[in-house]
Amino acid sequence: MNLQQALDNPSSCFATPADVVRSRELSHSEKVQILRRWEYEARLLEVAQEENMTGGSTSRLADILDALHSLGAEGSFSAAYPH
């Protein structure tokens, strides 16, 4: 697996957020980074959905937050992606 690709586009490397958690190739920190990126993308998708700007894609935010919780990574993505 290409770590940079997973960080840039998590859904291109993992079918579900739970797959990130189960990965034996990644450190805890890398898993959290990947899930934070996925969370960021999911939040952007939700905003687009609220504005009727999506092509039918569905957000995986709940699954992503569950995966982060299972890793003990609480809080928001804003620490990883400041404004």
PDB file of N, CA and C in Angstrom:
ATOM      1  N   MET A   1       0.844  -1.184   0.000  1.00  0.00           N
ATOM      2  CA  MET A   1       0.000   0.000   0.000  1.00  0.00           C
ATOM      3  C   MET A   1       0.884   1.242   0.000  1.00  0.00           C
ATOM      4  N   ASN A   2       0.456   2.213  -0.732  1.00  0.00           N
ATOM      5  CA  ASN A   2       1.152   3.487  -0.818  1.00  0.00           C
ATOM      6  C   ASN A   2       0.565   4.418   0.242  1.00  0.00           C
ATOM      7  N   LEU A   3       1.354   4.742   1.269  1.00  0.00           N
ATOM      8  CA  LEU A   3       0.877   5.572   2.370  1.00  0.00           C
ATOM      9  C   LEU A   3       0.434   6.944   1.887  1.00  0.00           C
ATOM     10  N   GLN A   4       1.191   7.551   0.994  1.00  0.00           N
ATOM     11  CA  GLN A   4       0.815   8.885   0.516  1.00  0.00           C
ATOM     12  C   GLN A   4      -0.520   8.847  -0.207  1.00  0.00           C
ATOM     13  N   GLN A   5      -0.745   7.808  -1.004  1.00  0.00           N
ATOM     14  CA  GLN A   5      -2.029   7.673  -1.697  1.00  0.00           C
ATOM     15  C   GLN A   5      -3.160   7.492  -0.689  1.00  0.00           C
ATOM     16  N   ALA A   6      -2.920   6.708   0.358  1.00  0.00           N
ATOM     17  CA  ALA A   6      -3.933   6.505   1.397  1.00  0.00           C
ATOM     18  C   ALA A   6      -4.248   7.814   2.118  1.00  0.00           C
ATOM     19  N   LEU A   7      -3.246   8.640   2.326  1.00  0.00           N
ATOM     20  CA  LEU A   7      -3.467   9.936   2.975  1.00  0.00           C
ATOM     21  C   LEU A   7      -4.185  10.908   2.038  1.00  0.00           C
ATOM     22  N   ASP A   8      -3.849  10.869   0.759  1.00  0.00           N
ATOM     23  CA  ASP A   8      -4.458  11.775  -0.211  1.00  0.00           C
ATOM     24  C   ASP A   8      -5.893  11.399  -0.544  1.00  0.00           C
ATOM     25  N   ASN A   9      -6.165  10.103  -0.629  1.00  0.00           N
ATOM     26  CA  ASN A   9      -7.491   9.628  -1.036  1.00  0.00           C
ATOM     27  C   ASN A   9      -7.774   8.289  -0.358  1.00  0.00           C
ATOM     28  N   PRO A  10      -8.185   8.325   0.920  1.00  0.00           N
ATOM     29  CA  PRO A  10      -8.374   7.087   1.672  1.00  0.00           C
ATOM     30  C   PRO A  10      -9.299   6.075   0.998  1.00  0.00           C
ATOM     31  N   SER A  11     -10.360   6.545   0.366  1.00  0.00           N
ATOM     32  CA  SER A  11     -11.317   5.611  -0.232  1.00  0.00           C
ATOM     33  C   SER A  11     -10.750   4.891  -1.456  1.00  0.00           C
ATOM     34  N   SER A  12      -9.620   5.356  -1.981  1.00  0.00           N
ATOM     35  CA  SER A  12      -8.993   4.646  -3.096  1.00  0.00           C
ATOM     36  C   SER A  12      -8.188   3.440  -2.609  1.00  0.00           C
ATOM     37  N   CYS A  13      -7.888   3.415  -1.319  1.00  0.00           N
ATOM     38  CA  CYS A  13      -7.087   2.327  -0.745  1.00  0.00           C
ATOM     39  C   CYS A  13      -7.880   1.422   0.190  1.00  0.00           C
ATOM     40  N   PHE A  14      -8.963   1.948   0.739  1.00  0.00           N
ATOM     41  CA  PHE A  14      -9.740   1.204   1.725  1.00  0.00           C
ATOM     42  C   PHE A  14     -11.217   1.235   1.369  1.00  0.00           C
ATOM     43  N   ALA A  15     -11.872   0.092   1.466  1.00  0.00           N
ATOM     44  CA  ALA A  15     -13.300   0.010   1.162  1.00  0.00           C
ATOM     45  C   ALA A  15     -14.133   0.666   2.255  1.00  0.00           C
ATOM     46  N   THR A  16     -13.687   0.533   3.493  1.00  0.00           N
ATOM     47  CA  THR A  16     -14.426   1.098   4.623  1.00  0.00           C
ATOM     48  C   THR A  16     -13.443   1.675   5.643  1.00  0.00           C
ATOM     49  N   PRO A  17     -13.907   2.576   6.492  1.00  0.00           N
ATOM     50  CA  PRO A  17     -13.047   3.078   7.562  1.00  0.00           C
ATOM     51  C   PRO A  17     -12.569   1.964   8.504  1.00  0.00           C
ATOM     52  N   ALA A  18     -13.393   0.953   8.700  1.00  0.00           N
ATOM     53  CA  ALA A  18     -12.994  -0.168   9.561  1.00  0.00           C
ATOM     54  C   ALA A  18     -11.778  -0.897   8.989  1.00  0.00           C
ATOM     55  N   ASP A  19     -11.634  -0.896   7.675  1.00  0.00           N
ATOM     56  CA  ASP A  19     -10.468  -1.519   7.047  1.00  0.00           C
ATOM     57  C   ASP A  19      -9.183  -0.796   7.443  1.00  0.00           C
ATOM     58  N   VAL A  20      -9.268   0.499   7.629  1.00  0.00           N
ATOM     59  CA  VAL A  20      -8.104   1.267   8.093  1.00  0.00           C
ATOM     60  C   VAL A  20      -7.722   0.786   9.486  1.00  0.00           C
ATOM     61  N   VAL A  21      -8.709   0.666  10.358  1.00  0.00           N
ATOM     62  CA  VAL A  21      -8.459   0.234  11.738  1.00  0.00           C
ATOM     63  C   VAL A  21      -7.819  -1.150  11.760  1.00  0.00           C
ATOM     64  N   ARG A  22      -8.281  -2.039  10.899  1.00  0.00           N
ATOM     65  CA  ARG A  22      -7.782  -3.430  10.880  1.00  0.00           C
ATOM     66  C   ARG A  22      -6.436  -3.590  10.184  1.00  0.00           C
ATOM     67  N   SER A  23      -5.968  -2.589   9.490  1.00  0.00           N
ATOM     68  CA  SER A  23      -4.719  -2.711   8.730  1.00  0.00           C
ATOM     69  C   SER A  23      -3.542  -3.026   9.645  1.00  0.00           C
ATOM     70  N   ARG A  24      -2.770  -4.002   9.236  1.00  0.00           N
ATOM     71  CA  ARG A  24      -1.563  -4.371   9.986  1.00  0.00           C
ATOM     72  C   ARG A  24      -0.332  -3.664   9.435  1.00  0.00           C
ATOM     73  N   GLU A  25      -0.502  -2.970   8.309  1.00  0.00           N
ATOM     74  CA  GLU A  25       0.618  -2.276   7.671  1.00  0.00           C
ATOM     75  C   GLU A  25       0.835  -0.872   8.227  1.00  0.00           C
ATOM     76  N   LEU A  26      -0.152  -0.359   8.945  1.00  0.00           N
ATOM     77  CA  LEU A  26      -0.108   1.036   9.395  1.00  0.00           C
ATOM     78  C   LEU A  26       0.116   1.144  10.889  1.00  0.00           C
ATOM     79  N   SER A  27       0.833   2.188  11.283  1.00  0.00           N
ATOM     80  CA  SER A  27       0.966   2.495  12.709  1.00  0.00           C
ATOM     81  C   SER A  27      -0.333   3.137  13.193  1.00  0.00           C
ATOM     82  N   HIS A  28      -0.488   3.230  14.485  1.00  0.00           N
ATOM     83  CA  HIS A  28      -1.658   3.882  15.069  1.00  0.00           C
ATOM     84  C   HIS A  28      -1.776   5.311  14.556  1.00  0.00           C
ATOM     85  N   SER A  29      -0.664   6.018  14.548  1.00  0.00           N
ATOM     86  CA  SER A  29      -0.651   7.407  14.098  1.00  0.00           C
ATOM     87  C   SER A  29      -1.061   7.524  12.631  1.00  0.00           C
ATOM     88  N   GLU A  30      -0.575   6.630  11.796  1.00  0.00           N
ATOM     89  CA  GLU A  30      -0.934   6.664  10.377  1.00  0.00           C
ATOM     90  C   GLU A  30      -2.426   6.385  10.181  1.00  0.00           C
ATOM     91  N   LYS A  31      -2.965   5.461  10.952  1.00  0.00           N
ATOM     92  CA  LYS A  31      -4.396   5.162  10.875  1.00  0.00           C
ATOM     93  C   LYS A  31      -5.220   6.397  11.216  1.00  0.00           C
ATOM     94  N   VAL A  32      -4.832   7.076  12.288  1.00  0.00           N
ATOM     95  CA  VAL A  32      -5.551   8.278  12.705  1.00  0.00           C
ATOM     96  C   VAL A  32      -5.439   9.352  11.620  1.00  0.00           C
ATOM     97  N   GLN A  33      -4.260   9.536  11.050  1.00  0.00           N
ATOM     98  CA  GLN A  33      -4.082  10.541   9.994  1.00  0.00           C
ATOM     99  C   GLN A  33      -4.976  10.244   8.793  1.00  0.00           C
ATOM    100  N   ILE A  34      -5.017   9.001   8.391  1.00  0.00           N
ATOM    101  CA  ILE A  34      -5.838   8.611   7.245  1.00  0.00           C
ATOM    102  C   ILE A  34      -7.314   8.833   7.551  1.00  0.00           C
ATOM    103  N   LEU A  35      -7.750   8.437   8.731  1.00  0.00           N
ATOM    104  CA  LEU A  35      -9.153   8.612   9.104  1.00  0.00           C
ATOM    105  C   LEU A  35      -9.516  10.084   9.260  1.00  0.00           C
ATOM    106  N   ARG A  36      -8.599  10.895   9.746  1.00  0.00           N
ATOM    107  CA  ARG A  36      -8.858  12.345   9.850  1.00  0.00           C
ATOM    108  C   ARG A  36      -9.048  12.947   8.457  1.00  0.00           C
ATOM    109  N   ARG A  37      -8.233  12.509   7.509  1.00  0.00           N
ATOM    110  CA  ARG A  37      -8.376  13.000   6.144  1.00  0.00           C
ATOM    111  C   ARG A  37      -9.730  12.579   5.579  1.00  0.00           C
ATOM    112  N   TRP A  38     -10.106  11.333   5.840  1.00  0.00           N
ATOM    113  CA  TRP A  38     -11.388  10.825   5.366  1.00  0.00           C
ATOM    114  C   TRP A  38     -12.539  11.587   6.028  1.00  0.00           C
ATOM    115  N   GLU A  39     -12.363  11.917   7.310  1.00  0.00           N
ATOM    116  CA  GLU A  39     -13.373  12.707   8.021  1.00  0.00           C
ATOM    117  C   GLU A  39     -13.521  14.078   7.369  1.00  0.00           C
ATOM    118  N   TYR A  40     -12.418  14.698   7.056  1.00  0.00           N
ATOM    119  CA  TYR A  40     -12.433  16.007   6.412  1.00  0.00           C
ATOM    120  C   TYR A  40     -13.212  15.946   5.099  1.00  0.00           C
ATOM    121  N   GLU A  41     -12.916  14.945   4.285  1.00  0.00           N
ATOM    122  CA  GLU A  41     -13.610  14.779   3.005  1.00  0.00           C
ATOM    123  C   GLU A  41     -15.101  14.514   3.210  1.00  0.00           C
ATOM    124  N   ALA A  42     -15.435  13.707   4.221  1.00  0.00           N
ATOM    125  CA  ALA A  42     -16.844  13.395   4.492  1.00  0.00           C
ATOM    126  C   ALA A  42     -17.601  14.637   4.943  1.00  0.00           C
ATOM    127  N   ARG A  43     -16.948  15.481   5.717  1.00  0.00           N
ATOM    128  CA  ARG A  43     -17.607  16.718   6.154  1.00  0.00           C
ATOM    129  C   ARG A  43     -17.828  17.662   4.969  1.00  0.00           C
ATOM    130  N   LEU A  44     -16.870  17.723   4.060  1.00  0.00           N
ATOM    131  CA  LEU A  44     -17.050  18.529   2.848  1.00  0.00           C
ATOM    132  C   LEU A  44     -18.207  17.980   2.014  1.00  0.00           C
ATOM    133  N   LEU A  45     -18.316  16.671   1.923  1.00  0.00           N
ATOM    134  CA  LEU A  45     -19.396  16.045   1.170  1.00  0.00           C
ATOM    135  C   LEU A  45     -20.746  16.373   1.796  1.00  0.00           C
ATOM    136  N   GLU A  46     -20.812  16.365   3.126  1.00  0.00           N
ATOM    137  CA  GLU A  46     -22.073  16.699   3.793  1.00  0.00           C
ATOM    138  C   GLU A  46     -22.493  18.137   3.506  1.00  0.00           C
ATOM    139  N   VAL A  47     -21.536  19.045   3.489  1.00  0.00           N
ATOM    140  CA  VAL A  47     -21.849  20.440   3.165  1.00  0.00           C
ATOM    141  C   VAL A  47     -22.386  20.518   1.739  1.00  0.00           C
ATOM    142  N   ALA A  48     -21.731  19.824   0.827  1.00  0.00           N
ATOM    143  CA  ALA A  48     -22.177  19.826  -0.567  1.00  0.00           C
ATOM    144  C   ALA A  48     -23.581  19.227  -0.685  1.00  0.00           C
ATOM    145  N   GLN A  49     -23.858  18.172   0.080  1.00  0.00           N
ATOM    146  CA  GLN A  49     -25.183  17.559   0.046  1.00  0.00           C
ATOM    147  C   GLN A  49     -26.245  18.532   0.553  1.00  0.00           C
ATOM    148  N   GLU A  50     -25.911  19.277   1.593  1.00  0.00           N
ATOM    149  CA  GLU A  50     -26.851  20.260   2.129  1.00  0.00           C
ATOM    150  C   GLU A  50     -27.181  21.329   1.096  1.00  0.00           C
ATOM    151  N   GLU A  51     -26.240  21.579   0.205  1.00  0.00           N
ATOM    152  CA  GLU A  51     -26.432  22.592  -0.831  1.00  0.00           C
ATOM    153  C   GLU A  51     -26.861  21.963  -2.161  1.00  0.00           C
ATOM    154  N   ASN A  52     -27.254  20.689  -2.116  1.00  0.00           N
ATOM    155  CA  ASN A  52     -27.694  19.951  -3.307  1.00  0.00           C
ATOM    156  C   ASN A  52     -26.661  19.984  -4.423  1.00  0.00           C
ATOM    157  N   MET A  53     -25.394  19.783  -4.054  1.00  0.00           N
ATOM    158  CA  MET A  53     -24.315  19.867  -5.028  1.00  0.00           C
ATOM    159  C   MET A  53     -23.588  18.537  -5.225  1.00  0.00           C
ATOM    160  N   THR A  54     -24.211  17.412  -4.917  1.00  0.00           N
ATOM    161  CA  THR A  54     -23.518  16.134  -5.073  1.00  0.00           C
ATOM    162  C   THR A  54     -24.154  15.325  -6.182  1.00  0.00           C
ATOM    163  N   GLY A  55     -23.418  14.330  -6.606  1.00  0.00           N
ATOM    164  CA  GLY A  55     -23.907  13.436  -7.647  1.00  0.00           C
ATOM    165  C   GLY A  55     -24.433  12.136  -7.073  1.00  0.00           C
ATOM    166  N   GLY A  56     -24.995  12.170  -5.877  1.00  0.00           N
ATOM    167  CA  GLY A  56     -25.556  10.970  -5.285  1.00  0.00           C
ATOM    168  C   GLY A  56     -24.620  10.246  -4.337  1.00  0.00           C
ATOM    169  N   SER A  57     -23.420  10.770  -4.114  1.00  0.00           N
ATOM    170  CA  SER A  57     -22.499  10.146  -3.175  1.00  0.00           C
ATOM    171  C   SER A  57     -23.047  10.254  -1.759  1.00  0.00           C
ATOM    172  N   THR A  58     -22.744   9.248  -0.951  1.00  0.00           N
ATOM    173  CA  THR A  58     -23.204   9.278   0.431  1.00  0.00           C
ATOM    174  C   THR A  58     -22.015   9.454   1.365  1.00  0.00           C
ATOM    175  N   SER A  59     -22.250  10.138   2.447  1.00  0.00           N
ATOM    176  CA  SER A  59     -21.211  10.395   3.432  1.00  0.00           C
ATOM    177  C   SER A  59     -21.019   9.165   4.310  1.00  0.00           C
ATOM    178  N   ARG A  60     -19.781   8.922   4.689  1.00  0.00           N
ATOM    179  CA  ARG A  60     -19.450   7.822   5.594  1.00  0.00           C
ATOM    180  C   ARG A  60     -19.027   8.385   6.947  1.00  0.00           C
ATOM    181  N   LEU A  61     -19.461   9.592   7.258  1.00  0.00           N
ATOM    182  CA  LEU A  61     -18.978  10.267   8.454  1.00  0.00           C
ATOM    183  C   LEU A  61     -19.191   9.448   9.719  1.00  0.00           C
ATOM    184  N   ALA A  62     -20.351   8.856   9.886  1.00  0.00           N
ATOM    185  CA  ALA A  62     -20.612   8.069  11.099  1.00  0.00           C
ATOM    186  C   ALA A  62     -19.633   6.901  11.210  1.00  0.00           C
ATOM    187  N   ASP A  63     -19.382   6.212  10.115  1.00  0.00           N
ATOM    188  CA  ASP A  63     -18.436   5.090  10.129  1.00  0.00           C
ATOM    189  C   ASP A  63     -17.018   5.565  10.439  1.00  0.00           C
ATOM    190  N   ILE A  64     -16.659   6.707   9.899  1.00  0.00           N
ATOM    191  CA  ILE A  64     -15.324   7.261  10.128  1.00  0.00           C
ATOM    192  C   ILE A  64     -15.156   7.641  11.596  1.00  0.00           C
ATOM    193  N   LEU A  65     -16.169   8.302  12.156  1.00  0.00           N
ATOM    194  CA  LEU A  65     -16.098   8.690  13.567  1.00  0.00           C
ATOM    195  C   LEU A  65     -16.059   7.471  14.477  1.00  0.00           C
ATOM    196  N   ASP A  66     -16.792   6.418  14.116  1.00  0.00           N
ATOM    197  CA  ASP A  66     -16.739   5.169  14.892  1.00  0.00           C
ATOM    198  C   ASP A  66     -15.329   4.573  14.845  1.00  0.00           C
ATOM    199  N   ALA A  67     -14.715   4.595  13.669  1.00  0.00           N
ATOM    200  CA  ALA A  67     -13.361   4.057  13.526  1.00  0.00           C
ATOM    201  C   ALA A  67     -12.366   4.869  14.351  1.00  0.00           C
ATOM    202  N   LEU A  68     -12.480   6.187  14.306  1.00  0.00           N
ATOM    203  CA  LEU A  68     -11.605   7.036  15.125  1.00  0.00           C
ATOM    204  C   LEU A  68     -11.810   6.761  16.604  1.00  0.00           C
ATOM    205  N   HIS A  69     -13.053   6.606  17.008  1.00  0.00           N
ATOM    206  CA  HIS A  69     -13.362   6.308  18.411  1.00  0.00           C
ATOM    207  C   HIS A  69     -12.722   4.984  18.834  1.00  0.00           C
ATOM    208  N   SER A  70     -12.778   3.989  17.951  1.00  0.00           N
ATOM    209  CA  SER A  70     -12.198   2.684  18.288  1.00  0.00           C
ATOM    210  C   SER A  70     -10.688   2.771  18.476  1.00  0.00           C
ATOM    211  N   LEU A  71     -10.062   3.781  17.872  1.00  0.00           N
ATOM    212  CA  LEU A  71      -8.618   3.992  18.029  1.00  0.00           C
ATOM    213  C   LEU A  71      -8.297   4.943  19.182  1.00  0.00           C
ATOM    214  N   GLY A  72      -9.331   5.432  19.859  1.00  0.00           N
ATOM    215  CA  GLY A  72      -9.126   6.361  20.960  1.00  0.00           C
ATOM    216  C   GLY A  72      -8.809   7.768  20.501  1.00  0.00           C
ATOM    217  N   ALA A  73      -9.130   8.074  19.257  1.00  0.00           N
ATOM    218  CA  ALA A  73      -8.856   9.404  18.692  1.00  0.00           C
ATOM    219  C   ALA A  73     -10.135  10.221  18.747  1.00  0.00           C
ATOM    220  N   GLU A  74     -10.294  10.951  19.803  1.00  0.00           N
ATOM    221  CA  GLU A  74     -11.493  11.769  19.992  1.00  0.00           C
ATOM    222  C   GLU A  74     -11.257  13.165  19.465  1.00  0.00           C
ATOM    223  N   GLY A  75     -12.304  13.943  19.428  1.00  0.00           N
ATOM    224  CA  GLY A  75     -12.181  15.327  19.018  1.00  0.00           C
ATOM    225  C   GLY A  75     -12.496  15.487  17.561  1.00  0.00           C
ATOM    226  N   SER A  76     -12.158  16.627  17.044  1.00  0.00           N
ATOM    227  CA  SER A  76     -12.508  16.987  15.680  1.00  0.00           C
ATOM    228  C   SER A  76     -11.273  16.981  14.788  1.00  0.00           C
ATOM    229  N   PHE A  77     -11.534  16.968  13.500  1.00  0.00           N
ATOM    230  CA  PHE A  77     -10.454  17.019  12.521  1.00  0.00           C
ATOM    231  C   PHE A  77      -9.785  18.379  12.492  1.00  0.00           C
ATOM    232  N   SER A  78     -10.358  19.380  13.150  1.00  0.00           N
ATOM    233  CA  SER A  78      -9.831  20.734  13.029  1.00  0.00           C
ATOM    234  C   SER A  78      -8.392  20.850  13.535  1.00  0.00           C
ATOM    235  N   ALA A  79      -7.995  19.981  14.431  1.00  0.00           N
ATOM    236  CA  ALA A  79      -6.596  20.016  14.885  1.00  0.00           C
ATOM    237  C   ALA A  79      -5.656  19.570  13.766  1.00  0.00           C
ATOM    238  N   ALA A  80      -6.127  18.623  12.957  1.00  0.00           N
ATOM    239  CA  ALA A  80      -5.284  18.117  11.872  1.00  0.00           C
ATOM    240  C   ALA A  80      -5.379  19.015  10.637  1.00  0.00           C
ATOM    241  N   TYR A  81      -6.529  19.657  10.449  1.00  0.00           N
ATOM    242  CA  TYR A  81      -6.761  20.500   9.281  1.00  0.00           C
ATOM    243  C   TYR A  81      -7.272  21.857   9.741  1.00  0.00           C
ATOM    244  N   PRO A  82      -6.370  22.686  10.293  1.00  0.00           N
ATOM    245  CA  PRO A  82      -6.819  24.007  10.780  1.00  0.00           C
ATOM    246  C   PRO A  82      -7.285  24.894   9.648  1.00  0.00           C
ATOM    247  N   HIS A  83      -8.132  25.843   9.980  1.00  0.00           N
ATOM    248  CA  HIS A  83      -8.699  26.782   8.981  1.00  0.00           C
ATOM    249  C   HIS A  83      -7.636  27.740   8.529  1.00  0.00           C
TER     250      HIS A  83
END
